[in-house]
Amino acid sequence: MSKLLNEAEVRKLIPIGHSKYYELIGSGALRSVKIGRRRFVTEQAVSDYISGLDQAAA
């Protein structure tokens, strides 16, 4: 089971700014879930996003 990460935790794993974080979520590049008024990203979604970067660079 993946842990739910908030914005600050995701930004520690992926060195991006606040605006880029919401841009990635809005475009669907970084999958997220909404619980109440807050948005969370799973550890698996972060891993998938990073893997996609590796594949794009290759």
PDB file of N, CA and C in Angstrom:
ATOM      1  N   MET A   1       0.843  -1.175   0.000  1.00  0.00           N
ATOM      2  CA  MET A   1       0.000   0.000   0.000  1.00  0.00           C
ATOM      3  C   MET A   1       0.894   1.247   0.000  1.00  0.00           C
ATOM      4  N   SER A   2       0.562   2.192  -0.823  1.00  0.00           N
ATOM      5  CA  SER A   2       1.334   3.433  -0.928  1.00  0.00           C
ATOM      6  C   SER A   2       0.861   4.458   0.093  1.00  0.00           C
ATOM      7  N   LYS A   3       1.784   5.209   0.584  1.00  0.00           N
ATOM      8  CA  LYS A   3       1.489   6.298   1.512  1.00  0.00           C
ATOM      9  C   LYS A   3       1.005   7.512   0.715  1.00  0.00           C
ATOM     10  N   LEU A   4       0.077   8.271   1.289  1.00  0.00           N
ATOM     11  CA  LEU A   4      -0.367   9.516   0.674  1.00  0.00           C
ATOM     12  C   LEU A   4       0.567  10.638   1.105  1.00  0.00           C
ATOM     13  N   LEU A   5       1.036  11.390   0.138  1.00  0.00           N
ATOM     14  CA  LEU A   5       1.969  12.480   0.392  1.00  0.00           C
ATOM     15  C   LEU A   5       1.302  13.819   0.128  1.00  0.00           C
ATOM     16  N   ASN A   6       1.586  14.801   0.972  1.00  0.00           N
ATOM     17  CA  ASN A   6       1.074  16.145   0.726  1.00  0.00           C
ATOM     18  C   ASN A   6       2.060  16.897  -0.181  1.00  0.00           C
ATOM     19  N   GLU A   7       1.721  18.115  -0.512  1.00  0.00           N
ATOM     20  CA  GLU A   7       2.551  18.893  -1.440  1.00  0.00           C
ATOM     21  C   GLU A   7       3.994  19.017  -0.966  1.00  0.00           C
ATOM     22  N   ALA A   8       4.195  19.357   0.289  1.00  0.00           N
ATOM     23  CA  ALA A   8       5.559  19.541   0.804  1.00  0.00           C
ATOM     24  C   ALA A   8       6.377  18.258   0.710  1.00  0.00           C
ATOM     25  N   GLU A   9       5.761  17.122   1.001  1.00  0.00           N
ATOM     26  CA  GLU A   9       6.474  15.848   0.933  1.00  0.00           C
ATOM     27  C   GLU A   9       6.839  15.492  -0.503  1.00  0.00           C
ATOM     28  N   VAL A  10       5.925  15.752  -1.432  1.00  0.00           N
ATOM     29  CA  VAL A  10       6.207  15.483  -2.849  1.00  0.00           C
ATOM     30  C   VAL A  10       7.341  16.373  -3.334  1.00  0.00           C
ATOM     31  N   ARG A  11       7.314  17.639  -2.938  1.00  0.00           N
ATOM     32  CA  ARG A  11       8.325  18.585  -3.403  1.00  0.00           C
ATOM     33  C   ARG A  11       9.699  18.298  -2.814  1.00  0.00           C
ATOM     34  N   LYS A  12       9.769  17.544  -1.719  1.00  0.00           N
ATOM     35  CA  LYS A  12      11.058  17.093  -1.195  1.00  0.00           C
ATOM     36  C   LYS A  12      11.625  15.973  -2.065  1.00  0.00           C
ATOM     37  N   LEU A  13      10.729  15.151  -2.624  1.00  0.00           N
ATOM     38  CA  LEU A  13      11.151  14.035  -3.472  1.00  0.00           C
ATOM     39  C   LEU A  13      11.448  14.468  -4.900  1.00  0.00           C
ATOM     40  N   ILE A  14      10.675  15.430  -5.386  1.00  0.00           N
ATOM     41  CA  ILE A  14      10.858  15.973  -6.744  1.00  0.00           C
ATOM     42  C   ILE A  14      11.150  17.463  -6.574  1.00  0.00           C
ATOM     43  N   PRO A  15      12.340  17.905  -6.889  1.00  0.00           N
ATOM     44  CA  PRO A  15      12.690  19.319  -6.657  1.00  0.00           C
ATOM     45  C   PRO A  15      11.999  20.267  -7.651  1.00  0.00           C
ATOM     46  N   ILE A  16      10.743  20.589  -7.352  1.00  0.00           N
ATOM     47  CA  ILE A  16       9.948  21.484  -8.193  1.00  0.00           C
ATOM     48  C   ILE A  16       9.307  22.544  -7.306  1.00  0.00           C
ATOM     49  N   GLY A  17       8.872  23.608  -7.917  1.00  0.00           N
ATOM     50  CA  GLY A  17       8.198  24.677  -7.194  1.00  0.00           C
ATOM     51  C   GLY A  17       6.710  24.416  -7.061  1.00  0.00           C
ATOM     52  N   HIS A  18       6.075  25.282  -6.302  1.00  0.00           N
ATOM     53  CA  HIS A  18       4.636  25.201  -6.035  1.00  0.00           C
ATOM     54  C   HIS A  18       3.827  25.212  -7.332  1.00  0.00           C
ATOM     55  N   SER A  19       4.120  26.147  -8.214  1.00  0.00           N
ATOM     56  CA  SER A  19       3.359  26.271  -9.465  1.00  0.00           C
ATOM     57  C   SER A  19       3.533  25.050 -10.346  1.00  0.00           C
ATOM     58  N   LYS A  20       4.760  24.544 -10.451  1.00  0.00           N
ATOM     59  CA  LYS A  20       5.026  23.364 -11.278  1.00  0.00           C
ATOM     60  C   LYS A  20       4.305  22.146 -10.714  1.00  0.00           C
ATOM     61  N   TYR A  21       4.239  22.040  -9.390  1.00  0.00           N
ATOM     62  CA  TYR A  21       3.525  20.939  -8.733  1.00  0.00           C
ATOM     63  C   TYR A  21       2.071  20.913  -9.206  1.00  0.00           C
ATOM     64  N   TYR A  22       1.396  22.044  -9.154  1.00  0.00           N
ATOM     65  CA  TYR A  22      -0.009  22.095  -9.567  1.00  0.00           C
ATOM     66  C   TYR A  22      -0.164  21.972 -11.080  1.00  0.00           C
ATOM     67  N   GLU A  23       0.818  22.399 -11.831  1.00  0.00           N
ATOM     68  CA  GLU A  23       0.791  22.216 -13.285  1.00  0.00           C
ATOM     69  C   GLU A  23       0.841  20.723 -13.630  1.00  0.00           C
ATOM     70  N   LEU A  24       1.733  19.986 -12.964  1.00  0.00           N
ATOM     71  CA  LEU A  24       1.852  18.545 -13.211  1.00  0.00           C
ATOM     72  C   LEU A  24       0.572  17.803 -12.826  1.00  0.00           C
ATOM     73  N   ILE A  25      -0.029  18.193 -11.725  1.00  0.00           N
ATOM     74  CA  ILE A  25      -1.287  17.573 -11.302  1.00  0.00           C
ATOM     75  C   ILE A  25      -2.401  17.914 -12.290  1.00  0.00           C
ATOM     76  N   GLY A  26      -2.479  19.173 -12.694  1.00  0.00           N
ATOM     77  CA  GLY A  26      -3.522  19.599 -13.629  1.00  0.00           C
ATOM     78  C   GLY A  26      -3.433  18.916 -14.975  1.00  0.00           C
ATOM     79  N   SER A  27      -2.216  18.654 -15.435  1.00  0.00           N
ATOM     80  CA  SER A  27      -2.034  18.008 -16.732  1.00  0.00           C
ATOM     81  C   SER A  27      -2.191  16.492 -16.651  1.00  0.00           C
ATOM     82  N   GLY A  28      -2.206  15.955 -15.433  1.00  0.00           N
ATOM     83  CA  GLY A  28      -2.310  14.505 -15.272  1.00  0.00           C
ATOM     84  C   GLY A  28      -0.969  13.798 -15.290  1.00  0.00           C
ATOM     85  N   ALA A  29       0.114  14.545 -15.458  1.00  0.00           N
ATOM     86  CA  ALA A  29       1.442  13.937 -15.465  1.00  0.00           C
ATOM     87  C   ALA A  29       1.793  13.357 -14.098  1.00  0.00           C
ATOM     88  N   LEU A  30       1.262  13.968 -13.060  1.00  0.00           N
ATOM     89  CA  LEU A  30       1.442  13.479 -11.685  1.00  0.00           C
ATOM     90  C   LEU A  30       0.048  13.204 -11.138  1.00  0.00           C
ATOM     91  N   ARG A  31      -0.277  11.910 -10.997  1.00  0.00           N
ATOM     92  CA  ARG A  31      -1.619  11.515 -10.544  1.00  0.00           C
ATOM     93  C   ARG A  31      -1.827  11.894  -9.082  1.00  0.00           C
ATOM     94  N   SER A  32      -3.020  12.325  -8.777  1.00  0.00           N
ATOM     95  CA  SER A  32      -3.335  12.723  -7.404  1.00  0.00           C
ATOM     96  C   SER A  32      -4.755  12.307  -7.050  1.00  0.00           C
ATOM     97  N   VAL A  33      -5.046  12.354  -5.758  1.00  0.00           N
ATOM     98  CA  VAL A  33      -6.397  12.088  -5.267  1.00  0.00           C
ATOM     99  C   VAL A  33      -6.810  13.255  -4.398  1.00  0.00           C
ATOM    100  N   LYS A  34      -8.102  13.550  -4.407  1.00  0.00           N
ATOM    101  CA  LYS A  34      -8.612  14.639  -3.600  1.00  0.00           C
ATOM    102  C   LYS A  34      -9.434  14.044  -2.467  1.00  0.00           C
ATOM    103  N   ILE A  35      -9.107  14.453  -1.263  1.00  0.00           N
ATOM    104  CA  ILE A  35      -9.842  14.025  -0.079  1.00  0.00           C
ATOM    105  C   ILE A  35     -10.298  15.300   0.620  1.00  0.00           C
ATOM    106  N   GLY A  36     -11.594  15.523   0.590  1.00  0.00           N
ATOM    107  CA  GLY A  36     -12.111  16.782   1.112  1.00  0.00           C
ATOM    108  C   GLY A  36     -11.622  17.923   0.232  1.00  0.00           C
ATOM    109  N   ARG A  37     -10.989  18.900   0.841  1.00  0.00           N
ATOM    110  CA  ARG A  37     -10.463  20.044   0.093  1.00  0.00           C
ATOM    111  C   ARG A  37      -8.987  19.901  -0.213  1.00  0.00           C
ATOM    112  N   ARG A  38      -8.377  18.816   0.265  1.00  0.00           N
ATOM    113  CA  ARG A  38      -6.930  18.641   0.094  1.00  0.00           C
ATOM    114  C   ARG A  38      -6.614  17.643  -1.007  1.00  0.00           C
ATOM    115  N   ARG A  39      -5.461  17.809  -1.631  1.00  0.00           N
ATOM    116  CA  ARG A  39      -5.021  16.940  -2.700  1.00  0.00           C
ATOM    117  C   ARG A  39      -3.753  16.224  -2.255  1.00  0.00           C
ATOM    118  N   PHE A  40      -3.706  14.904  -2.525  1.00  0.00           N
ATOM    119  CA  PHE A  40      -2.572  14.085  -2.143  1.00  0.00           C
ATOM    120  C   PHE A  40      -2.063  13.303  -3.342  1.00  0.00           C
ATOM    121  N   VAL A  41      -0.790  12.925  -3.273  1.00  0.00           N
ATOM    122  CA  VAL A  41      -0.142  12.130  -4.313  1.00  0.00           C
ATOM    123  C   VAL A  41       0.392  10.876  -3.634  1.00  0.00           C
ATOM    124  N   THR A  42       0.217   9.720  -4.261  1.00  0.00           N
ATOM    125  CA  THR A  42       0.743   8.494  -3.668  1.00  0.00           C
ATOM    126  C   THR A  42       2.234   8.359  -3.975  1.00  0.00           C
ATOM    127  N   GLU A  43       2.908   7.580  -3.145  1.00  0.00           N
ATOM    128  CA  GLU A  43       4.325   7.306  -3.403  1.00  0.00           C
ATOM    129  C   GLU A  43       4.489   6.657  -4.769  1.00  0.00           C
ATOM    130  N   GLN A  44       3.546   5.783  -5.138  1.00  0.00           N
ATOM    131  CA  GLN A  44       3.612   5.109  -6.436  1.00  0.00           C
ATOM    132  C   GLN A  44       3.497   6.105  -7.588  1.00  0.00           C
ATOM    133  N   ALA A  45       2.644   7.116  -7.441  1.00  0.00           N
ATOM    134  CA  ALA A  45       2.500   8.129  -8.489  1.00  0.00           C
ATOM    135  C   ALA A  45       3.790   8.914  -8.666  1.00  0.00           C
ATOM    136  N   VAL A  46       4.482   9.209  -7.565  1.00  0.00           N
ATOM    137  CA  VAL A  46       5.775   9.902  -7.645  1.00  0.00           C
ATOM    138  C   VAL A  46       6.782   9.009  -8.360  1.00  0.00           C
ATOM    139  N   SER A  47       6.822   7.741  -7.987  1.00  0.00           N
ATOM    140  CA  SER A  47       7.733   6.790  -8.623  1.00  0.00           C
ATOM    141  C   SER A  47       7.451   6.666 -10.119  1.00  0.00           C
ATOM    142  N   ASP A  48       6.178   6.581 -10.487  1.00  0.00           N
ATOM    143  CA  ASP A  48       5.802   6.491 -11.904  1.00  0.00           C
ATOM    144  C   ASP A  48       6.218   7.743 -12.666  1.00  0.00           C
ATOM    145  N   TYR A  49       6.037   8.909 -12.061  1.00  0.00           N
ATOM    146  CA  TYR A  49       6.427  10.160 -12.709  1.00  0.00           C
ATOM    147  C   TYR A  49       7.938  10.188 -12.952  1.00  0.00           C
ATOM    148  N   ILE A  50       8.719   9.796 -11.953  1.00  0.00           N
ATOM    149  CA  ILE A  50      10.173   9.786 -12.088  1.00  0.00           C
ATOM    150  C   ILE A  50      10.602   8.771 -13.144  1.00  0.00           C
ATOM    151  N   SER A  51       9.963   7.608 -13.183  1.00  0.00           N
ATOM    152  CA  SER A  51      10.268   6.601 -14.193  1.00  0.00           C
ATOM    153  C   SER A  51       9.984   7.136 -15.592  1.00  0.00           C
ATOM    154  N   GLY A  52       8.899   7.885 -15.723  1.00  0.00           N
ATOM    155  CA  GLY A  52       8.572   8.502 -17.010  1.00  0.00           C
ATOM    156  C   GLY A  52       9.619   9.500 -17.455  1.00  0.00           C
ATOM    157  N   LEU A  53      10.217  10.199 -16.504  1.00  0.00           N
ATOM    158  CA  LEU A  53      11.297  11.141 -16.839  1.00  0.00           C
ATOM    159  C   LEU A  53      12.514  10.371 -17.355  1.00  0.00           C
ATOM    160  N   ASP A  54      12.823   9.255 -16.696  1.00  0.00           N
ATOM    161  CA  ASP A  54      13.948   8.422 -17.135  1.00  0.00           C
ATOM    162  C   ASP A  54      13.744   7.919 -18.552  1.00  0.00           C
ATOM    163  N   GLN A  55      12.515   7.478 -18.857  1.00  0.00           N
ATOM    164  CA  GLN A  55      12.210   6.959 -20.180  1.00  0.00           C
ATOM    165  C   GLN A  55      12.268   8.065 -21.235  1.00  0.00           C
ATOM    166  N   ALA A  56      11.821   9.258 -20.894  1.00  0.00           N
ATOM    167  CA  ALA A  56      11.843  10.372 -21.852  1.00  0.00           C
ATOM    168  C   ALA A  56      13.274  10.798 -22.161  1.00  0.00           C
ATOM    169  N   ALA A  57      14.156  10.659 -21.177  1.00  0.00           N
ATOM    170  CA  ALA A  57      15.549  11.064 -21.364  1.00  0.00           C
ATOM    171  C   ALA A  57      16.331  10.048 -22.206  1.00  0.00           C
ATOM    172  N   ALA A  58      15.839   8.804 -22.245  1.00  0.00           N
ATOM    173  CA  ALA A  58      16.566   7.748 -22.948  1.00  0.00           C
ATOM    174  C   ALA A  58      16.373   7.788 -24.434  1.00  0.00           C
TER     175      ALA A  58
END
